[in-house]
Amino acid sequence: MSVLKKSPWIYHAHAGGCNGCDIELLACMGPRYDLERLGIKWVSSPRYADILLVTGPVPLHTKPFLERVYAQTPEPKRVIAMGACGCSCGVFIDDENYSIAGPVEKIIPVDVKIPGCPPKPEAIIDGILKVLNKM
């Protein structure tokens, strides 16, 4: 079992969708929920991240990007699929949708899912804490 010896850093990978989840992530970083009080920071490169937080269904043209981001993240890495689209493709679940590769777990391994459309900041914080307990 690996022990995290520093504050967890999160890289947000947007893989399509409506940006509703992204707006809720911003709310988590604001003064009301203040995710940084737990030591959690956002990073601008997956090379520094401990956790990948992926939002949206994965379109075919975004699939190589997501695989590359996952490969660039150092071990031990954890993945969170956020929102109805990230967890199950949401409204894009139709099997005849030619442009969607699938939900996040079909592309890369997922440790925790945060359902909702969009999930509330409390649910996002709870999902992040679940991942930290797995680390």
Protein backbone atom coordinates (compact mmCIF):
# COMPACT_ATOMS: atom_id res chain seq x y z
CA MET A 1 0.00 0.00 0.00
CA SER A 2 1.39 3.34 -1.04
CA VAL A 3 1.22 6.33 1.27
CA LEU A 4 0.78 9.83 -0.08
CA LYS A 5 3.44 12.02 1.56
CA LYS A 6 2.18 15.36 0.29
CA SER A 7 -1.03 17.16 -0.41
CA PRO A 8 -2.92 15.56 -3.31
CA TRP A 9 -2.79 17.33 -6.63
CA ILE A 10 -5.57 16.99 -9.18
CA TYR A 11 -5.48 17.34 -12.94
CA HIS A 12 -8.85 18.02 -14.53
CA ALA A 13 -9.27 16.42 -17.97
CA HIS A 14 -12.36 17.69 -19.78
CA ALA A 15 -13.52 15.00 -22.21
CA GLY A 16 -16.53 16.65 -23.80
CA GLY A 17 -19.91 17.40 -22.28
CA CYS A 18 -21.79 20.56 -21.39
CA ASN A 19 -19.34 22.16 -18.86
CA GLY A 20 -21.88 21.81 -16.04
CA CYS A 21 -19.43 19.63 -14.09
CA ASP A 22 -16.63 22.09 -14.75
CA ILE A 23 -18.66 24.92 -13.23
CA GLU A 24 -19.30 22.82 -10.11
CA LEU A 25 -15.56 22.13 -9.85
CA LEU A 26 -14.97 25.87 -9.80
CA ALA A 27 -17.52 26.16 -6.99
CA CYS A 28 -15.49 23.62 -5.01
CA MET A 29 -12.46 25.86 -5.20
CA GLY A 30 -14.37 29.00 -4.22
CA PRO A 31 -14.65 30.44 -0.72
CA ARG A 32 -17.82 28.57 0.22
CA TYR A 33 -16.45 25.01 -0.13
CA ASP A 34 -12.70 25.85 -0.23
CA LEU A 35 -11.25 22.52 -1.32
CA GLU A 36 -7.75 23.89 -0.76
CA ARG A 37 -8.35 23.83 3.00
CA LEU A 38 -7.90 20.05 2.68
CA GLY A 39 -4.56 20.60 0.96
CA ILE A 40 -5.93 19.72 -2.47
CA LYS A 41 -4.52 21.72 -5.37
CA TRP A 42 -5.25 21.80 -9.10
CA VAL A 43 -2.28 21.39 -11.43
CA SER A 44 -1.94 22.33 -15.07
CA SER A 45 -0.03 19.22 -16.15
CA PRO A 46 -0.81 15.53 -15.63
CA ARG A 47 2.90 14.97 -14.95
CA TYR A 48 2.45 16.51 -11.48
CA ALA A 49 -0.94 14.98 -10.66
CA ASP A 50 -1.85 12.32 -8.15
CA ILE A 51 -5.50 12.21 -9.24
CA LEU A 52 -7.08 12.55 -12.69
CA LEU A 53 -10.59 13.97 -12.59
CA VAL A 54 -12.35 13.36 -15.90
CA THR A 55 -15.63 15.00 -16.88
CA GLY A 56 -17.87 14.31 -19.86
CA PRO A 57 -18.38 11.40 -22.23
CA VAL A 58 -15.30 10.56 -24.24
CA PRO A 59 -15.68 11.51 -27.92
CA LEU A 60 -13.67 9.50 -30.45
CA HIS A 61 -11.41 12.46 -31.22
CA THR A 62 -10.65 12.96 -27.49
CA LYS A 63 -9.87 9.30 -26.72
CA PRO A 64 -6.15 9.51 -27.72
CA PHE A 65 -5.77 12.66 -25.61
CA LEU A 66 -7.23 10.95 -22.55
CA GLU A 67 -5.03 7.87 -23.02
CA ARG A 68 -1.96 10.11 -23.33
CA VAL A 69 -2.90 12.09 -20.21
CA TYR A 70 -3.34 8.83 -18.29
CA ALA A 71 0.06 7.57 -19.47
CA GLN A 72 1.75 10.84 -18.42
CA THR A 73 0.41 10.67 -14.88
CA PRO A 74 2.95 9.18 -12.48
CA GLU A 75 2.23 6.15 -10.31
CA PRO A 76 0.41 5.74 -7.96
CA LYS A 77 -2.40 7.41 -9.87
CA ARG A 78 -6.11 7.46 -9.19
CA VAL A 79 -8.93 8.32 -11.60
CA ILE A 80 -12.28 9.92 -10.83
CA ALA A 81 -15.08 9.85 -13.40
CA MET A 82 -17.40 12.77 -12.70
CA GLY A 83 -20.96 13.46 -13.79
CA ALA A 84 -23.55 11.34 -15.52
CA CYS A 85 -21.64 11.64 -18.80
CA GLY A 86 -18.32 10.55 -17.31
CA CYS A 87 -19.87 7.65 -15.40
CA SER A 88 -22.25 6.22 -18.01
CA CYS A 89 -22.31 8.59 -21.02
CA GLY A 90 -25.49 10.25 -19.73
CA VAL A 91 -27.67 11.45 -22.60
CA PHE A 92 -25.06 10.17 -25.06
CA ILE A 93 -25.61 6.54 -24.01
CA ASP A 94 -27.40 5.62 -27.24
CA ASP A 95 -25.53 2.73 -28.88
CA GLU A 96 -25.97 4.32 -32.28
CA ASN A 97 -24.03 7.46 -31.36
CA TYR A 98 -21.15 7.31 -33.84
CA SER A 99 -19.03 10.05 -32.25
CA ILE A 100 -18.75 8.79 -28.63
CA ALA A 101 -16.06 6.27 -27.65
CA GLY A 102 -17.82 5.56 -24.36
CA PRO A 103 -17.74 6.43 -20.68
CA VAL A 104 -14.39 7.06 -18.97
CA GLU A 105 -14.10 3.52 -17.56
CA LYS A 106 -14.19 2.10 -21.10
CA ILE A 107 -11.04 4.08 -21.96
CA ILE A 108 -8.99 4.13 -18.72
CA PRO A 109 -9.43 2.41 -15.33
CA VAL A 110 -11.65 4.36 -12.90
CA ASP A 111 -11.32 4.22 -9.10
CA VAL A 112 -14.29 6.37 -8.04
CA LYS A 113 -17.41 7.60 -9.82
CA ILE A 114 -19.22 10.79 -8.84
CA PRO A 115 -22.72 10.59 -10.38
CA GLY A 116 -25.03 13.52 -10.99
CA CYS A 117 -25.86 15.98 -13.72
CA PRO A 118 -23.98 17.94 -12.55
CA PRO A 119 -22.95 16.61 -9.15
CA LYS A 120 -23.13 19.06 -6.27
CA PRO A 121 -19.91 20.36 -4.72
CA GLU A 122 -20.57 18.27 -1.59
CA ALA A 123 -20.67 15.10 -3.73
CA ILE A 124 -17.47 16.12 -5.53
CA ILE A 125 -15.65 16.66 -2.25
CA ASP A 126 -16.95 13.32 -0.97
CA GLY A 127 -15.70 11.55 -4.12
CA ILE A 128 -12.27 13.13 -3.79
CA LEU A 129 -12.10 12.05 -0.14
CA LYS A 130 -13.04 8.49 -1.17
CA VAL A 131 -10.09 8.45 -3.57
CA LEU A 132 -7.79 9.79 -0.85
CA ASN A 133 -8.88 6.96 1.45
CA LYS A 134 -7.86 4.49 -1.29
CA MET A 135 -4.41 6.06 -1.46
